[in-house]
Protein backbone atom coordinates (compact mmCIF):
# COMPACT_ATOMS: atom_id res chain seq x y z
CA MET A 1 52.23 21.50 -66.84
CA ASP A 2 55.24 19.22 -66.61
CA ASP A 3 54.90 19.14 -62.81
CA ASP A 4 51.15 18.39 -63.11
CA SER A 5 51.82 15.64 -65.61
CA GLU A 6 54.44 14.11 -63.35
CA TYR A 7 52.00 14.24 -60.40
CA GLU A 8 49.23 12.66 -62.48
CA ARG A 9 51.53 9.87 -63.68
CA GLN A 10 52.55 9.13 -60.09
CA ARG A 11 48.89 9.08 -58.96
CA GLN A 12 47.88 6.63 -61.67
CA ALA A 13 50.85 4.41 -60.81
CA ASN A 14 49.72 4.32 -57.16
CA ILE A 15 46.16 3.42 -58.19
CA ALA A 16 47.41 0.60 -60.40
CA ARG A 17 49.66 -0.75 -57.67
CA ASN A 18 46.81 -0.73 -55.14
CA LYS A 19 44.44 -2.51 -57.52
CA GLU A 20 47.02 -5.19 -58.15
CA LEU A 21 47.48 -5.60 -54.42
CA LEU A 22 43.71 -5.96 -53.91
CA ARG A 23 43.55 -8.48 -56.77
CA GLN A 24 46.30 -10.56 -55.25
CA LEU A 25 44.50 -10.58 -51.89
CA GLU A 26 41.17 -11.37 -53.63
CA LEU A 27 39.60 -8.32 -51.99
CA ALA A 28 38.64 -6.49 -55.12
CA ASP A 29 34.91 -6.97 -54.55
CA LEU A 30 35.24 -5.79 -50.97
CA GLY A 31 37.15 -2.73 -52.15
CA SER A 32 34.39 -1.87 -54.63
CA SER A 33 31.60 -2.28 -52.07
CA LEU A 34 33.59 -0.27 -49.53
CA ALA A 35 33.99 2.55 -52.03
CA ALA A 36 30.28 2.50 -52.82
CA SER A 37 29.43 2.47 -49.11
CA THR A 38 31.83 5.34 -48.42
CA GLY A 39 30.29 7.35 -51.23
CA ALA A 40 26.79 6.73 -49.92
CA SER A 41 27.81 7.64 -46.39
CA THR A 42 29.43 10.83 -47.62
CA SER A 43 26.26 11.79 -49.45
CA ALA A 44 24.14 11.03 -46.40
CA LEU A 45 26.48 13.08 -44.23
CA LYS A 46 26.14 16.04 -46.59
CA ARG A 47 22.35 15.77 -46.52
CA SER A 48 22.41 15.52 -42.72
CA SER A 49 24.67 18.58 -42.50
CA SER A 50 22.27 20.46 -44.72
CA ARG A 51 19.34 19.61 -42.45
CA ASN A 52 21.31 20.44 -39.31
CA SER A 53 22.14 23.83 -40.70
CA ARG A 54 18.42 24.58 -40.50
CA SER A 55 17.83 22.92 -37.11
CA THR A 56 20.16 22.39 -34.15
CA SER A 57 18.38 19.25 -32.92
CA SER A 58 18.48 15.89 -34.65
CA PRO A 59 15.29 14.25 -35.97
CA ALA A 60 15.76 11.37 -33.51
CA SER A 61 15.64 13.73 -30.54
CA LYS A 62 12.30 15.09 -31.73
CA ARG A 63 10.74 11.69 -32.18
CA ALA A 64 7.93 11.44 -29.64
CA LYS A 65 7.66 8.29 -27.59
CA LYS A 66 4.55 6.40 -28.54
CA LYS A 67 2.11 6.22 -25.63
CA GLU A 68 0.53 2.91 -24.90
CA SER A 69 -3.25 3.08 -25.05
CA LEU A 70 -5.28 1.50 -22.29
CA LEU A 71 -8.18 1.04 -24.70
CA PRO A 72 -8.51 -1.61 -27.44
CA GLN A 73 -7.45 -0.38 -30.88
CA ARG A 74 -10.15 -0.18 -33.52
CA ALA A 75 -9.47 -2.49 -36.46
CA SER A 76 -11.05 -3.09 -39.84
CA ALA A 77 -13.82 -5.70 -39.80
CA ARG A 78 -13.22 -6.46 -43.50
CA ILE A 79 -9.55 -7.36 -42.84
CA LYS A 80 -10.77 -9.79 -40.18
CA GLY A 81 -13.10 -11.39 -42.76
CA LEU A 82 -16.26 -10.07 -41.07
CA ASP A 83 -19.21 -8.34 -42.65
CA PRO A 84 -19.06 -4.71 -41.47
CA GLU A 85 -22.71 -4.21 -42.45
CA ASN A 86 -23.90 -7.00 -40.16
CA LYS A 87 -25.73 -5.26 -37.31
CA GLY A 88 -24.84 -7.92 -34.74
CA ILE A 89 -21.11 -7.70 -35.48
CA LYS A 90 -21.23 -3.90 -35.49
CA ASP A 91 -22.99 -3.78 -32.11
CA GLU A 92 -20.54 -6.30 -30.63
CA ILE A 93 -17.53 -4.21 -31.71
CA GLU A 94 -19.03 -1.00 -30.31
CA LEU A 95 -19.96 -2.72 -27.04
CA THR A 96 -16.41 -4.05 -26.59
CA TYR A 97 -14.89 -0.63 -27.15
CA LYS A 98 -17.46 1.16 -24.98
CA THR A 99 -17.05 -1.30 -22.08
CA ALA A 100 -13.26 -0.86 -22.06
CA GLU A 101 -13.69 2.91 -22.18
CA GLU A 102 -16.12 2.85 -19.26
CA LYS A 103 -13.78 0.65 -17.19
CA ASP A 104 -10.92 3.08 -17.83
CA ALA A 105 -13.13 6.00 -16.73
CA GLU A 106 -14.24 4.10 -13.61
CA SER A 107 -10.63 3.61 -12.49
CA ARG A 108 -10.20 7.41 -12.50
CA THR A 109 -13.48 8.21 -10.75
CA ARG A 110 -13.68 8.85 -7.02
CA VAL A 111 -15.58 6.20 -5.08
CA PRO A 112 -18.06 7.98 -2.76
CA GLY A 113 -19.80 6.68 0.35
CA THR A 114 -19.17 3.36 2.07
CA VAL A 115 -17.76 0.33 0.27
CA LYS A 116 -16.76 -3.16 1.42
CA PHE A 117 -13.25 -4.55 1.18
CA GLU A 118 -14.30 -7.18 -1.35
CA ASP A 119 -15.62 -4.44 -3.66
CA ILE A 120 -12.31 -2.56 -3.77
CA SER A 121 -9.93 -5.49 -3.39
CA ALA A 122 -7.68 -6.35 -6.32
CA ASP A 123 -8.17 -10.09 -5.76
CA GLY A 124 -11.63 -10.10 -4.20
CA LEU A 125 -10.35 -11.09 -0.75
CA ALA A 126 -12.24 -9.65 2.20
CA GLN A 127 -9.48 -9.74 4.78
CA ALA A 128 -10.09 -8.03 8.14
CA TRP A 129 -7.65 -7.49 11.00
CA THR A 130 -8.32 -7.15 14.72
CA PHE A 131 -6.23 -5.36 17.33
CA ASP A 132 -6.25 -5.12 21.08
CA ASP A 133 -6.48 -1.40 21.86
CA ALA A 134 -5.04 -1.87 25.34
CA GLU A 135 -1.94 -3.68 24.13
CA ASP A 136 -1.38 -2.94 20.46
CA ILE A 137 -2.11 0.71 19.90
CA GLY A 138 1.59 1.57 20.10
CA ASP A 139 1.05 5.31 19.73
CA ALA A 140 0.27 5.73 23.44
CA GLN A 141 2.74 8.05 25.08
CA VAL A 142 6.06 6.48 26.06
CA LYS A 143 6.50 7.51 29.67
CA GLY A 144 9.73 9.09 30.79
CA GLU A 145 12.03 11.90 29.84
CA HIS A 146 13.21 12.51 26.30
CA GLU A 147 16.78 12.59 25.04
CA ASP A 148 17.26 16.24 25.93
CA LYS A 149 16.41 15.65 29.61
CA VAL A 150 18.20 12.39 30.29
CA LEU A 151 21.76 11.27 29.91
CA ALA A 152 21.87 10.65 26.18
CA LYS A 153 23.34 7.44 24.89
CA ASN A 154 26.85 7.63 23.56
CA VAL A 155 26.78 8.33 19.81
CA VAL A 156 29.04 5.35 19.20
CA GLN A 157 26.53 3.07 20.94
CA LEU A 158 23.64 4.64 19.05
CA ARG A 159 25.39 4.02 15.75
CA LYS A 160 26.06 0.45 16.76
CA ASP A 161 22.39 -0.08 17.67
CA MET A 162 21.01 1.42 14.47
CA SER A 163 23.59 -0.15 12.15
CA SER A 164 22.75 -3.56 13.63
CA LEU A 165 19.30 -3.42 11.98
CA LYS A 166 19.02 -6.23 9.43
CA LEU A 167 17.16 -6.52 6.17
CA TYR A 168 13.98 -8.60 6.49
CA GLU A 169 15.11 -12.11 5.57
CA ARG A 170 12.00 -14.19 4.88
CA PHE A 171 11.51 -12.61 1.44
CA ALA A 172 13.75 -10.48 -0.75
CA PRO A 173 12.57 -6.91 -1.47
CA ASN A 174 11.82 -7.77 -5.11
CA GLU A 175 9.31 -10.38 -3.89
CA ILE A 176 7.39 -7.88 -1.73
CA LYS A 177 5.53 -5.90 -4.39
CA ILE A 178 2.92 -4.18 -2.29
CA THR A 179 1.42 -1.87 -4.96
CA PRO A 180 1.33 -2.00 -8.79
CA GLU A 181 2.58 1.58 -9.23
CA ARG A 182 5.15 3.90 -7.66
CA ILE A 183 4.85 4.12 -3.87
CA PHE A 184 4.11 7.67 -2.77
CA TYR A 185 3.62 7.26 0.98
CA MET A 186 4.56 4.61 3.58
CA ASN A 187 3.47 3.98 7.14
CA PHE A 188 3.40 1.36 9.87
CA HIS A 189 0.39 0.32 11.86
CA PRO A 190 1.22 1.36 15.47
CA SER A 191 0.76 -2.21 16.75
CA VAL A 192 3.86 -3.90 18.14
CA SER A 193 2.63 -7.51 18.20
CA HIS A 194 0.82 -7.48 14.84
CA ARG A 195 3.02 -5.77 12.26
CA LEU A 196 1.28 -4.21 9.27
CA VAL A 197 3.07 -2.11 6.64
CA LEU A 198 0.90 0.22 4.56
CA ALA A 199 1.66 1.92 1.26
CA GLY A 200 -0.19 4.32 -1.02
CA ASP A 201 0.71 4.53 -4.70
CA LYS A 202 0.37 7.19 -7.39
CA ILE A 203 -2.95 5.90 -8.78
CA GLY A 204 -4.80 5.60 -5.46
CA ASN A 205 -4.14 2.01 -4.38
CA LEU A 206 -3.67 1.09 -0.72
CA GLY A 207 -1.30 -1.84 -0.25
CA VAL A 208 -1.23 -3.79 3.02
CA TRP A 209 1.57 -6.18 3.96
CA ASP A 210 0.93 -8.50 6.90
CA VAL A 211 4.62 -8.81 7.76
CA ASP A 212 4.61 -11.89 9.98
CA ALA A 213 2.08 -13.88 7.94
CA THR A 214 2.54 -15.79 4.68
CA LYS A 215 0.33 -17.12 1.91
CA GLN A 216 0.61 -20.65 0.58
CA ILE A 217 0.42 -20.85 -3.21
CA SER A 218 0.07 -24.12 -5.13
CA LYS A 219 2.21 -24.75 -8.18
CA SER A 220 0.80 -26.17 -11.40
CA GLU A 221 0.04 -29.86 -11.81
CA ASP A 222 3.18 -30.53 -13.83
CA GLU A 223 5.17 -29.55 -10.73
CA ASP A 224 3.50 -32.13 -8.46
CA ASN A 225 1.15 -29.59 -6.85
CA GLU A 226 3.87 -28.41 -4.49
CA GLU A 227 3.17 -25.37 -2.37
CA TYR A 228 5.45 -22.44 -1.71
CA SER A 229 5.21 -19.37 0.54
CA SER A 230 4.74 -15.80 -0.57
CA PRO A 231 4.31 -12.50 1.32
CA SER A 232 0.83 -11.88 2.71
CA LEU A 233 -0.13 -8.87 0.55
CA TYR A 234 -3.51 -7.18 0.04
CA LEU A 235 -4.44 -4.40 -2.37
CA PHE A 236 -7.42 -2.05 -2.21
CA LYS A 237 -8.42 0.66 -4.67
CA VAL A 238 -9.55 3.40 -2.27
CA HIS A 239 -8.88 6.58 -4.27
CA ALA A 240 -9.02 7.79 -7.87
CA ARG A 241 -5.71 9.66 -7.77
CA THR A 242 -2.42 9.58 -5.84
CA LEU A 243 -2.78 8.35 -2.26
CA SER A 244 -0.73 11.05 -0.57
CA SER A 245 -1.04 10.47 3.19
CA ILE A 246 -1.80 7.69 5.69
CA ALA A 247 -2.57 8.23 9.40
CA PHE A 248 -4.14 6.42 12.33
CA ALA A 249 -6.54 8.13 14.70
CA PRO A 250 -5.29 8.20 18.30
CA SER A 251 -6.86 5.44 20.43
CA HIS A 252 -8.49 3.73 17.40
CA ALA A 253 -6.08 1.01 16.28
CA GLU A 254 -8.52 -0.49 13.79
CA LYS A 255 -9.16 2.72 11.84
CA LEU A 256 -6.81 3.88 9.10
CA TYR A 257 -7.31 7.24 7.36
CA THR A 258 -6.10 7.91 3.82
CA ALA A 259 -5.96 11.21 1.90
CA SER A 260 -5.58 11.72 -1.82
CA TYR A 261 -5.00 14.14 -4.66
CA ASP A 262 -8.65 13.47 -5.60
CA GLY A 263 -9.63 15.78 -2.71
CA SER A 264 -11.07 13.13 -0.40
CA ILE A 265 -10.24 11.53 2.94
CA ARG A 266 -11.41 7.99 3.63
CA CYS A 267 -11.50 5.82 6.76
CA VAL A 268 -10.56 2.17 6.30
CA ASP A 269 -11.97 0.12 9.19
CA PHE A 270 -9.91 -3.07 9.52
CA LYS A 271 -12.39 -4.55 11.98
CA SER A 272 -15.58 -4.19 9.92
CA GLY A 273 -13.87 -4.56 6.54
CA THR A 274 -15.26 -1.33 5.07
CA SER A 275 -14.02 1.97 3.69
CA ASP A 276 -16.00 5.15 4.44
CA GLU A 277 -15.65 8.60 2.93
CA VAL A 278 -14.95 11.15 5.66
CA CYS A 279 -14.86 14.33 3.59
CA PHE A 280 -14.60 15.52 0.00
CA SER A 281 -13.78 18.95 -1.44
CA GLU A 282 -16.33 19.97 -4.04
CA GLY A 283 -14.29 22.96 -5.23
CA ASN A 284 -11.54 23.21 -7.83
CA HIS A 285 -10.33 19.64 -8.39
CA ASP A 286 -6.66 20.55 -8.78
CA SER A 287 -6.28 23.12 -6.01
CA ASP A 288 -8.25 20.98 -3.52
CA GLY A 289 -6.01 17.93 -3.88
CA ILE A 290 -4.82 16.87 -0.42
CA CYS A 291 -1.05 16.67 0.16
CA GLU A 292 -0.67 15.68 3.82
CA MET A 293 -2.85 15.29 6.90
CA ALA A 294 -2.39 14.98 10.66
CA PHE A 295 -4.62 14.33 13.67
CA ALA A 296 -4.92 17.03 16.34
CA ASP A 297 -7.01 14.68 18.50
CA SER A 298 -9.14 11.57 18.01
CA ASN A 299 -11.74 13.46 15.97
CA THR A 300 -10.00 16.43 14.34
CA ILE A 301 -7.91 16.26 11.16
CA TYR A 302 -5.83 19.06 9.67
CA TYR A 303 -4.77 18.73 6.03
CA SER A 304 -2.96 20.81 3.41
CA THR A 305 -3.91 21.41 -0.22
CA PHE A 306 -2.46 22.20 -3.62
CA GLY A 307 -4.04 25.65 -3.36
CA GLY A 308 -1.97 26.69 -0.32
CA GLU A 309 -4.69 26.21 2.30
CA ILE A 310 -4.83 24.41 5.64
CA CYS A 311 -8.19 22.75 6.22
CA ARG A 312 -9.73 21.41 9.40
CA VAL A 313 -12.45 18.77 9.56
CA ASP A 314 -14.26 16.84 12.30
CA VAL A 315 -14.47 13.16 11.34
CA ARG A 316 -17.86 12.92 13.11
CA SER A 317 -19.45 15.53 10.83
CA PRO A 318 -21.46 14.58 7.71
CA THR A 319 -19.39 13.90 4.59
CA ASN A 320 -20.94 16.80 2.68
CA GLN A 321 -20.17 19.33 5.42
CA ALA A 322 -17.53 21.79 4.20
CA ALA A 323 -14.19 21.82 6.00
CA GLU A 324 -12.90 24.99 7.66
CA ARG A 325 -10.35 26.63 5.38
CA PHE A 326 -7.40 28.84 6.30
CA ARG A 327 -5.04 30.64 3.94
CA ALA A 328 -1.39 29.81 4.69
CA HIS A 329 0.64 29.98 1.44
CA GLU A 330 0.09 31.06 -2.14
CA LYS A 331 1.38 27.77 -3.55
CA LYS A 332 1.09 24.05 -2.83
CA ILE A 333 1.70 23.00 0.78
CA GLY A 334 3.61 19.75 0.44
CA GLY A 335 4.26 19.21 4.15
CA LEU A 336 2.13 19.67 7.28
CA SER A 337 2.90 18.66 10.86
CA LEU A 338 1.28 19.36 14.25
CA HIS A 339 3.27 19.69 17.45
CA PRO A 340 2.63 16.40 19.35
CA GLU A 341 2.46 18.17 22.73
CA ALA A 342 0.69 21.34 21.55
CA SER A 343 -1.55 20.57 18.57
CA HIS A 344 -2.52 24.23 18.12
CA LEU A 345 0.98 24.76 16.65
CA CYS A 346 1.13 23.77 12.99
CA ALA A 347 4.18 23.77 10.71
CA THR A 348 3.79 23.91 6.92
CA SER A 349 6.25 23.75 4.02
CA SER A 350 5.51 25.00 0.54
CA LEU A 351 6.57 25.45 -3.06
CA ASP A 352 6.83 29.16 -2.25
CA ARG A 353 10.20 28.32 -0.61
CA THR A 354 9.11 28.89 2.98
CA MET A 355 8.38 26.82 6.06
CA LYS A 356 5.95 28.59 8.40
CA ILE A 357 4.62 27.99 11.89
CA TRP A 358 1.02 28.89 12.76
CA ASP A 359 -0.93 29.14 16.02
CA PHE A 360 -4.56 28.06 15.67
CA ARG A 361 -5.59 29.48 19.02
CA MET A 362 -6.21 32.73 17.20
CA VAL A 363 -7.66 33.10 13.69
CA ASN A 364 -7.66 36.41 11.78
CA ASP A 365 -9.82 37.62 8.90
CA ILE A 366 -7.85 38.61 5.81
CA GLU A 367 -8.84 39.92 2.38
CA ASP A 368 -11.50 38.31 0.17
CA GLY A 369 -13.27 36.82 3.17
CA GLU A 370 -10.49 34.33 3.88
CA GLN A 371 -9.21 33.42 7.32
CA GLN A 372 -5.67 32.84 8.48
CA PRO A 373 -4.28 31.38 11.73
CA GLN A 374 -1.93 33.52 13.77
CA PHE A 375 1.47 33.61 12.08
CA VAL A 376 4.36 32.82 14.46
CA THR A 377 7.58 32.58 12.47
CA GLU A 378 9.10 31.20 9.27
CA TYR A 379 12.20 29.87 7.57
CA SER A 380 13.06 30.87 3.99
CA SER A 381 14.95 28.63 1.59
CA ARG A 382 16.67 29.16 -1.74
CA LEU A 383 14.34 26.61 -3.37
CA SER A 384 11.04 24.90 -2.55
CA ILE A 385 10.70 22.98 0.72
CA SER A 386 9.27 19.47 0.34
CA CYS A 387 8.29 18.54 3.89
CA THR A 388 8.37 19.36 7.56
CA SER A 389 8.09 17.09 10.59
CA TRP A 390 7.81 17.79 14.33
CA ASN A 391 9.05 15.42 17.04
CA GLN A 392 7.94 14.90 20.65
CA ALA A 393 10.68 17.13 22.08
CA GLY A 394 9.78 20.15 19.93
CA ASP A 395 12.36 19.82 17.14
CA LEU A 396 11.48 20.49 13.52
CA VAL A 397 13.16 19.00 10.46
CA CYS A 398 12.62 20.05 6.87
CA ASN A 399 14.30 19.36 3.54
CA GLY A 400 13.87 20.55 -0.02
CA TYR A 401 15.38 21.05 -3.43
CA ASP A 402 18.31 23.11 -2.16
CA ASP A 403 19.89 19.76 -1.16
CA THR A 404 19.90 20.43 2.57
CA ILE A 405 18.22 18.93 5.62
CA ASN A 406 17.64 21.58 8.30
CA ILE A 407 16.98 20.83 11.97
CA PHE A 408 15.48 23.42 14.32
CA ASN A 409 15.73 22.79 18.06
CA LEU A 410 12.55 24.54 19.28
CA ARG A 411 12.06 22.80 22.58
CA ASP A 412 10.71 25.88 24.34
CA SER A 413 7.92 26.22 21.76
CA HIS A 414 5.25 26.32 24.50
CA ALA A 415 6.71 29.65 25.62
CA TRP A 416 6.13 31.36 22.26
CA LYS A 417 3.84 34.32 22.62
CA MET A 418 0.84 34.10 20.36
CA LYS A 419 0.55 37.80 19.60
CA SER A 420 4.18 38.65 18.92
CA LYS A 421 5.91 37.70 15.70
CA GLN A 422 9.12 35.79 16.27
CA PRO A 423 12.39 36.38 14.37
CA GLU A 424 12.96 34.25 11.29
CA LEU A 425 14.11 30.75 12.18
CA THR A 426 17.76 29.77 11.93
CA PRO A 427 18.67 26.08 11.62
CA SER A 428 20.41 24.52 14.60
CA SER A 429 21.98 21.95 12.25
CA THR A 430 22.26 21.74 8.47
CA ILE A 431 23.07 18.51 6.62
CA ARG A 432 24.06 18.33 2.96
CA HIS A 433 21.86 15.74 1.26
CA ASN A 434 21.04 15.10 -2.39
CA CYS A 435 17.28 15.64 -2.79
CA GLN A 436 17.17 15.74 -6.62
CA SER A 437 14.82 12.79 -7.00
CA GLY A 438 13.71 13.67 -10.53
CA LYS A 439 10.48 12.66 -12.24
CA TRP A 440 10.38 8.93 -11.58
CA VAL A 441 11.37 8.78 -7.90
CA THR A 442 9.06 9.93 -5.10
CA ILE A 443 10.15 13.17 -3.40
CA LEU A 444 12.50 12.48 -0.48
CA LYS A 445 10.99 13.51 2.85
CA ALA A 446 12.56 13.41 6.31
CA ALA A 447 10.26 11.94 8.99
CA TRP A 448 10.83 11.71 12.75
CA GLN A 449 10.07 8.57 14.68
CA ALA A 450 6.81 9.59 16.34
CA ASN A 451 7.31 8.25 19.86
CA PRO A 452 10.60 6.30 20.24
CA ALA A 453 10.64 3.67 22.94
CA ASP A 454 14.39 4.20 23.44
CA ARG A 455 13.70 7.94 23.99
CA VAL A 456 16.16 8.97 21.29
CA ASN A 457 14.66 11.35 18.76
CA LYS A 458 15.75 10.35 15.26
CA PHE A 459 14.49 10.65 11.69
CA VAL A 460 14.91 8.73 8.45
CA ILE A 461 15.19 9.94 4.86
CA GLY A 462 15.82 8.16 1.56
CA ASN A 463 19.17 8.37 -0.20
CA MET A 464 19.51 8.54 -4.00
CA LYS A 465 22.35 5.98 -3.79
CA ARG A 466 19.78 3.33 -2.73
CA TYR A 467 20.10 3.73 1.03
CA MET A 468 18.02 4.99 3.96
CA ASP A 469 19.85 7.46 6.22
CA VAL A 470 19.11 7.86 9.94
CA TYR A 471 20.06 11.01 11.92
CA ASN A 472 19.52 12.20 15.48
CA ALA A 473 18.23 15.60 16.62
CA ASP A 474 21.75 17.08 16.52
CA GLY A 475 22.21 16.11 12.87
CA VAL A 476 24.61 13.25 13.66
CA GLN A 477 24.27 10.34 11.26
CA LEU A 478 23.46 7.12 13.10
CA ALA A 479 23.13 4.65 10.23
CA ARG A 480 23.07 4.17 6.46
CA LEU A 481 20.88 1.17 5.72
CA GLY A 482 21.09 -0.67 2.42
CA GLY A 483 22.79 -3.62 0.78
CA ASP A 484 23.06 -5.74 -2.34
CA TYR A 485 19.35 -6.65 -2.27
CA VAL A 486 18.29 -2.98 -2.24
CA THR A 487 18.51 -2.33 -5.98
CA THR A 488 16.30 0.78 -6.26
CA VAL A 489 15.89 3.96 -4.22
CA PRO A 490 13.67 3.43 -1.12
CA SER A 491 12.44 7.01 -1.40
CA ALA A 492 9.27 6.87 0.75
CA CYS A 493 10.58 6.05 4.25
CA LYS A 494 9.03 5.69 7.68
CA PHE A 495 9.92 4.58 11.21
CA HIS A 496 7.53 2.48 13.26
CA PRO A 497 6.05 4.92 15.84
CA THR A 498 7.83 3.27 18.78
CA GLU A 499 10.13 0.44 17.61
CA ASN A 500 13.33 0.71 15.61
CA TRP A 501 11.83 -0.81 12.47
CA ILE A 502 12.24 1.16 9.25
CA VAL A 503 10.41 0.64 5.98
CA GLY A 504 11.07 2.16 2.56
CA GLY A 505 8.95 2.10 -0.62
CA THR A 506 10.31 2.21 -4.18
CA ALA A 507 9.18 3.43 -7.59
CA SER A 508 8.38 -0.15 -8.61
CA GLY A 509 5.92 -0.63 -5.73
CA LYS A 510 8.27 -2.83 -3.71
CA VAL A 511 9.18 -2.63 -0.03
CA VAL A 512 12.43 -2.68 1.93
CA LEU A 513 12.17 -3.46 5.67
CA PHE A 514 14.93 -3.23 8.27
CA GLU A 515 14.21 -4.70 11.68
């Protein structure tokens, strides 16, 4: 007891000394509020610990993010000072809400048949473009031997040539907003003299950038009506869902074909200023969504679907005529490519972790009445394969979620025997590349330059560090294009078919061009 009493006396003396010190410093009130705050915090901490003992996640982590409604919010007429029983006011409120709801539904509804540019244009402009087929088509065959049959350029010189490409200087990338939503697919018009960049976004818009033209915009009156230049951009709503693929028909420079997750393919005629529906899948809406398409000739399109099928359609046939369907995979086929020199050979890549090659010269009947082209060979990956692309020389490139780019030198592909299954493919070159694009960045896809004028086969792919990487057929990196003005990932990338111009599209709908 004596020890306890001594301890208690010492404690009280310390308290008194501290209070006197606080009084002298005139911090007594602060000390009291601090004590009260500490006590409250301690109590809150105990309550929080009690809750956490029942649940491992905090309440904040469970708080759902409020979604922004596209429709007007209903509000009380009485609060607005209106008579809710007045029939005219009631009808006006219902009409406003119904009209907004109908407009929202219209934006998600497929547009069938033929429509004019002015009907699907975001700004009502009915722009049309003309091209000289003899001069501008650009996708005509470049005559001469390819890289594998001529003395290849020195890699050092190739790197110098590709690294010398400069960012388009007339406008900064953040000024070239070609679509309102995330760009899903990019392409160039094959013309050399009249450069058009095309982009499809995730809600079905087609953006067109007339690269070498500008628009003059007047400023407001308080700024002396001065004019300034802006990029020549046009926007057309051609599909109800993601615009997933863009292609030009051989020998028809004025006709652009677009495919979409809404299950339709449309032809945009730049000369007549119209958009026509070529085909539409009337089956299951989700499984019939189109992922990628390619032309076998001027009239025949092959396309892949979410349901794991390859479909073939003749663009001259009636819109309601069903496409030929062939079973290829059990899951979504994200990539499809036809051999440029032998269009009966088709390469597909799928979520089922395989890339397969098919020969359409022979078609076999399989179970449940389905048909399947002759299987040739395949490559199996650890994870899903996002894309595949075939170049003029017979090389394939594919990449996927295993963070690799694989190149297959298959330049004797014409010699493959149709009736004999080939051994599983082995990559000629493998490149480590981060392909973890996540939810908000378009899937990275390697794409060969279709018909290079310099006869050097090369492909481009986006880089998650905000670059575009260029490689040759041996997997040697030729360039890494970027810079201070490239502030987001140019994930959807494409070469011009013949020229060394490269374009990349971002998640904000903006465009990066190197020329």
